[in-house]
Amino acid sequence: MARTVIAVIVSYVLMFVLVFIAFTCLYLVLGADGAFKPGSYHASNHWMALSIAIDLVIATLAGFICATIAKGGRAHVGLAVVVLVIGLLLVIPTIMVHNAKPNMVRTGDVSNMEAMQRARQPIWAPFAFPFIGAVGVLIGGRLKRRTQ
C-alpha cells in the first residue's frame, strides 16, 4: 500500500515538473507570436494542439513511471483519478480568471512569466485537459503492464 501511495505522489510531482519545463521550453521556441493569437493573450491554435500532445505524452510517461514504481497493481488508476480530480478542481479558478479579464491587448514581446499570468485558453481547455491527462496516465500504466 505504501509503495502505491509513493508511486502516485512521485509520479504526480514528476508530471507537474515536466509540464512546467515543457511549456516553458515551448514558449521559448514559439515566442509570443506563436503562442498567442495576434494582438491578444488568447492561445493560438498551434499552441493548443501542441499543448494537447505534450499533456498526453507527459501523462503517459507519468502513468508508466507510476506503474514501474508500484511494481504491479493498479497504482496508475489511482494516479489517473488524482489527475482528474485535481484538474477538475482547478477549473473553477481558471474560469474565474478567464472571465475577469477577457480581452486584454498584447503588444510586443512578452516575458514567460507575464505570458503565464495573462494567457487565456479557450473555455473548453480547462475541462478537457484533466481528461486527456487521465487517459494518458491509463495508457502509460497499460504500457508498463504489457512490458512485464
C-alpha atoms as a PDB file:
ATOM      1  CA  MET A   1       0.000   0.000   0.000  1.00  0.00           C
ATOM      2  CA  ALA A   2       2.788   2.451   0.895  1.00  0.00           C
ATOM      3  CA  ARG A   3       4.520   1.688  -2.397  1.00  0.00           C
ATOM      4  CA  THR A   4       1.322   2.584  -4.274  1.00  0.00           C
ATOM      5  CA  VAL A   5       0.919   5.897  -2.444  1.00  0.00           C
ATOM      6  CA  ILE A   6       4.574   6.768  -3.044  1.00  0.00           C
ATOM      7  CA  ALA A   7       4.220   5.842  -6.735  1.00  0.00           C
ATOM      8  CA  VAL A   8       1.211   8.140  -7.139  1.00  0.00           C
ATOM      9  CA  ILE A   9       2.836  11.073  -5.298  1.00  0.00           C
ATOM     10  CA  VAL A  10       6.185  10.789  -7.077  1.00  0.00           C
ATOM     11  CA  SER A  11       4.516  10.424 -10.474  1.00  0.00           C
ATOM     12  CA  TYR A  12       2.215  13.406  -9.919  1.00  0.00           C
ATOM     13  CA  VAL A  13       5.097  15.635  -8.799  1.00  0.00           C
ATOM     14  CA  LEU A  14       7.166  14.468 -11.771  1.00  0.00           C
ATOM     15  CA  MET A  15       4.245  15.197 -14.064  1.00  0.00           C
ATOM     16  CA  PHE A  16       3.914  18.712 -12.636  1.00  0.00           C
ATOM     17  CA  VAL A  17       7.633  19.437 -13.078  1.00  0.00           C
ATOM     18  CA  LEU A  18       7.742  18.037 -16.628  1.00  0.00           C
ATOM     19  CA  VAL A  19       4.678  20.058 -17.655  1.00  0.00           C
ATOM     20  CA  PHE A  20       6.266  23.240 -16.316  1.00  0.00           C
ATOM     21  CA  ILE A  21       9.542  22.547 -18.144  1.00  0.00           C
ATOM     22  CA  ALA A  22       7.818  21.512 -21.381  1.00  0.00           C
ATOM     23  CA  PHE A  23       5.605  24.588 -21.543  1.00  0.00           C
ATOM     24  CA  THR A  24       8.472  26.904 -20.648  1.00  0.00           C
ATOM     25  CA  CYS A  25      10.519  25.415 -23.486  1.00  0.00           C
ATOM     26  CA  LEU A  26       7.554  25.529 -25.859  1.00  0.00           C
ATOM     27  CA  TYR A  27       7.066  29.235 -25.137  1.00  0.00           C
ATOM     28  CA  LEU A  28      10.765  29.899 -25.691  1.00  0.00           C
ATOM     29  CA  VAL A  29      10.588  28.105 -29.052  1.00  0.00           C
ATOM     30  CA  LEU A  30       7.319  29.636 -30.288  1.00  0.00           C
ATOM     31  CA  GLY A  31       7.641  33.056 -28.700  1.00  0.00           C
ATOM     32  CA  ALA A  32       4.694  35.338 -28.029  1.00  0.00           C
ATOM     33  CA  ASP A  33       3.641  35.491 -31.681  1.00  0.00           C
ATOM     34  CA  GLY A  34       3.455  31.709 -31.958  1.00  0.00           C
ATOM     35  CA  ALA A  35       1.841  31.134 -28.582  1.00  0.00           C
ATOM     36  CA  PHE A  36      -0.880  33.769 -28.860  1.00  0.00           C
ATOM     37  CA  LYS A  37      -3.327  34.991 -31.449  1.00  0.00           C
ATOM     38  CA  PRO A  38      -2.308  38.361 -32.938  1.00  0.00           C
ATOM     39  CA  GLY A  39      -2.626  41.266 -30.504  1.00  0.00           C
ATOM     40  CA  SER A  40      -4.153  39.236 -27.682  1.00  0.00           C
ATOM     41  CA  TYR A  41      -3.355  36.821 -24.875  1.00  0.00           C
ATOM     42  CA  HIS A  42      -5.652  34.146 -26.300  1.00  0.00           C
ATOM     43  CA  ALA A  43      -3.755  30.931 -27.026  1.00  0.00           C
ATOM     44  CA  SER A  44      -3.163  30.214 -30.695  1.00  0.00           C
ATOM     45  CA  ASN A  45      -4.495  27.048 -32.325  1.00  0.00           C
ATOM     46  CA  HIS A  46      -0.905  25.891 -32.784  1.00  0.00           C
ATOM     47  CA  TRP A  47      -0.258  26.314 -29.047  1.00  0.00           C
ATOM     48  CA  MET A  48      -3.425  24.409 -28.151  1.00  0.00           C
ATOM     49  CA  ALA A  49      -2.592  21.492 -30.471  1.00  0.00           C
ATOM     50  CA  LEU A  50       0.925  21.224 -29.053  1.00  0.00           C
ATOM     51  CA  SER A  51      -0.475  21.533 -25.506  1.00  0.00           C
ATOM     52  CA  ILE A  52      -2.728  18.544 -26.046  1.00  0.00           C
ATOM     53  CA  ALA A  53       0.166  16.494 -27.431  1.00  0.00           C
ATOM     54  CA  ILE A  54       2.512  17.490 -24.594  1.00  0.00           C
ATOM     55  CA  ASP A  55      -0.136  16.767 -21.974  1.00  0.00           C
ATOM     56  CA  LEU A  56      -0.811  13.319 -23.416  1.00  0.00           C
ATOM     57  CA  VAL A  57       2.877  12.382 -23.722  1.00  0.00           C
ATOM     58  CA  ILE A  58       3.792  13.548 -20.209  1.00  0.00           C
ATOM     59  CA  ALA A  59       0.744  11.866 -18.688  1.00  0.00           C
ATOM     60  CA  THR A  60       1.611   8.619 -20.477  1.00  0.00           C
ATOM     61  CA  LEU A  61       5.156   8.817 -19.139  1.00  0.00           C
ATOM     62  CA  ALA A  62       3.837   9.504 -15.621  1.00  0.00           C
ATOM     63  CA  GLY A  63       1.498   6.509 -15.810  1.00  0.00           C
ATOM     64  CA  PHE A  64       4.362   4.294 -16.952  1.00  0.00           C
ATOM     65  CA  ILE A  65       6.613   5.522 -14.131  1.00  0.00           C
ATOM     66  CA  CYS A  66       3.824   5.126 -11.582  1.00  0.00           C
ATOM     67  CA  ALA A  67       3.270   1.512 -12.628  1.00  0.00           C
ATOM     68  CA  THR A  68       7.036   0.907 -12.553  1.00  0.00           C
ATOM     69  CA  ILE A  69       7.454   2.280  -9.027  1.00  0.00           C
ATOM     70  CA  ALA A  70       4.407   0.389  -7.749  1.00  0.00           C
ATOM     71  CA  LYS A  71       5.696  -2.869  -9.283  1.00  0.00           C
ATOM     72  CA  GLY A  72       2.333  -4.121 -10.435  1.00  0.00           C
ATOM     73  CA  GLY A  73      -1.112  -3.483  -9.136  1.00  0.00           C
ATOM     74  CA  ARG A  74      -3.306  -0.626 -10.215  1.00  0.00           C
ATOM     75  CA  ALA A  75      -1.455   2.410  -8.867  1.00  0.00           C
ATOM     76  CA  HIS A  76      -1.722   4.110 -12.246  1.00  0.00           C
ATOM     77  CA  VAL A  77      -5.517   4.082 -11.887  1.00  0.00           C
ATOM     78  CA  GLY A  78      -5.128   5.972  -8.609  1.00  0.00           C
ATOM     79  CA  LEU A  79      -2.873   8.476 -10.349  1.00  0.00           C
ATOM     80  CA  ALA A  80      -5.447   8.902 -13.129  1.00  0.00           C
ATOM     81  CA  VAL A  81      -8.116   9.665 -10.514  1.00  0.00           C
ATOM     82  CA  VAL A  82      -5.823  12.188  -8.788  1.00  0.00           C
ATOM     83  CA  VAL A  83      -5.057  13.890 -12.127  1.00  0.00           C
ATOM     84  CA  LEU A  84      -8.757  14.036 -12.987  1.00  0.00           C
ATOM     85  CA  VAL A  85      -9.951  15.293  -9.587  1.00  0.00           C
ATOM     86  CA  ILE A  86      -7.240  17.934  -9.103  1.00  0.00           C
ATOM     87  CA  GLY A  87      -7.602  19.027 -12.725  1.00  0.00           C
ATOM     88  CA  LEU A  88     -11.359  19.453 -12.392  1.00  0.00           C
ATOM     89  CA  LEU A  89     -10.954  21.342  -9.106  1.00  0.00           C
ATOM     90  CA  LEU A  90      -8.636  23.775 -10.885  1.00  0.00           C
ATOM     91  CA  VAL A  91     -11.316  24.507 -13.487  1.00  0.00           C
ATOM     92  CA  ILE A  92     -13.126  26.875 -11.112  1.00  0.00           C
ATOM     93  CA  PRO A  93     -10.286  29.384 -10.580  1.00  0.00           C
ATOM     94  CA  THR A  94      -9.313  29.112 -14.249  1.00  0.00           C
ATOM     95  CA  ILE A  95     -12.815  30.055 -15.374  1.00  0.00           C
ATOM     96  CA  MET A  96     -12.933  32.913 -12.845  1.00  0.00           C
ATOM     97  CA  VAL A  97      -9.649  34.340 -14.184  1.00  0.00           C
ATOM     98  CA  HIS A  98     -10.841  33.839 -17.765  1.00  0.00           C
ATOM     99  CA  ASN A  99     -13.996  35.837 -17.098  1.00  0.00           C
ATOM    100  CA  ALA A 100     -12.234  38.575 -15.092  1.00  0.00           C
ATOM    101  CA  LYS A 101     -10.060  39.889 -17.933  1.00  0.00           C
ATOM    102  CA  PRO A 102     -11.470  38.561 -21.204  1.00  0.00           C
ATOM    103  CA  ASN A 103      -9.896  40.837 -23.829  1.00  0.00           C
ATOM    104  CA  MET A 104      -6.515  42.165 -22.788  1.00  0.00           C
ATOM    105  CA  VAL A 105      -4.405  43.599 -25.611  1.00  0.00           C
ATOM    106  CA  ARG A 106      -0.883  42.257 -26.158  1.00  0.00           C
ATOM    107  CA  THR A 107       1.806  44.497 -27.593  1.00  0.00           C
ATOM    108  CA  GLY A 108       5.362  43.474 -28.419  1.00  0.00           C
ATOM    109  CA  ASP A 109       7.335  40.734 -26.745  1.00  0.00           C
ATOM    110  CA  VAL A 110       6.042  39.236 -23.537  1.00  0.00           C
ATOM    111  CA  SER A 111       8.176  37.562 -20.876  1.00  0.00           C
ATOM    112  CA  ASN A 112       7.493  33.955 -19.979  1.00  0.00           C
ATOM    113  CA  MET A 113       6.170  34.953 -16.542  1.00  0.00           C
ATOM    114  CA  GLU A 114       3.862  37.598 -17.971  1.00  0.00           C
ATOM    115  CA  ALA A 115       2.638  35.114 -20.577  1.00  0.00           C
ATOM    116  CA  MET A 116       1.790  32.573 -17.858  1.00  0.00           C
ATOM    117  CA  GLN A 117      -0.129  35.168 -15.862  1.00  0.00           C
ATOM    118  CA  ARG A 118      -2.107  36.675 -18.741  1.00  0.00           C
ATOM    119  CA  ALA A 119      -2.645  33.730 -21.089  1.00  0.00           C
ATOM    120  CA  ARG A 120      -6.229  32.832 -21.907  1.00  0.00           C
ATOM    121  CA  GLN A 121      -7.197  29.381 -23.147  1.00  0.00           C
ATOM    122  CA  PRO A 122     -10.418  28.510 -24.940  1.00  0.00           C
ATOM    123  CA  ILE A 123     -13.198  27.814 -22.450  1.00  0.00           C
ATOM    124  CA  TRP A 124     -13.166  24.071 -23.269  1.00  0.00           C
ATOM    125  CA  ALA A 125      -9.477  23.596 -22.423  1.00  0.00           C
ATOM    126  CA  PRO A 126      -9.635  23.552 -18.601  1.00  0.00           C
ATOM    127  CA  PHE A 127     -12.338  20.882 -18.837  1.00  0.00           C
ATOM    128  CA  ALA A 128     -10.538  18.773 -21.452  1.00  0.00           C
ATOM    129  CA  PHE A 129      -7.004  18.665 -20.046  1.00  0.00           C
ATOM    130  CA  PRO A 130      -7.835  16.669 -16.876  1.00  0.00           C
ATOM    131  CA  PHE A 131      -9.481  14.002 -19.034  1.00  0.00           C
ATOM    132  CA  ILE A 132      -6.600  13.975 -21.522  1.00  0.00           C
ATOM    133  CA  GLY A 133      -4.153  13.625 -18.614  1.00  0.00           C
ATOM    134  CA  ALA A 134      -6.135  10.793 -17.008  1.00  0.00           C
ATOM    135  CA  VAL A 135      -6.336   8.911 -20.309  1.00  0.00           C
ATOM    136  CA  GLY A 136      -2.589   9.364 -20.828  1.00  0.00           C
ATOM    137  CA  VAL A 137      -1.856   8.004 -17.353  1.00  0.00           C
ATOM    138  CA  LEU A 138      -4.020   4.946 -18.018  1.00  0.00           C
ATOM    139  CA  ILE A 139      -2.253   4.372 -21.353  1.00  0.00           C
ATOM    140  CA  GLY A 140       1.158   4.600 -19.651  1.00  0.00           C
ATOM    141  CA  GLY A 141       0.102   2.174 -16.926  1.00  0.00           C
ATOM    142  CA  ARG A 142      -1.149  -0.304 -19.506  1.00  0.00           C
ATOM    143  CA  LEU A 143       2.074   0.015 -21.484  1.00  0.00           C
ATOM    144  CA  LYS A 144       4.064  -0.912 -18.406  1.00  0.00           C
ATOM    145  CA  ARG A 145       1.828  -3.881 -17.650  1.00  0.00           C
ATOM    146  CA  ARG A 146       2.368  -5.163 -21.214  1.00  0.00           C
ATOM    147  CA  THR A 147       6.174  -4.969 -20.891  1.00  0.00           C
ATOM    148  CA  GLN A 148       6.231  -7.072 -17.729  1.00  0.00           C
END
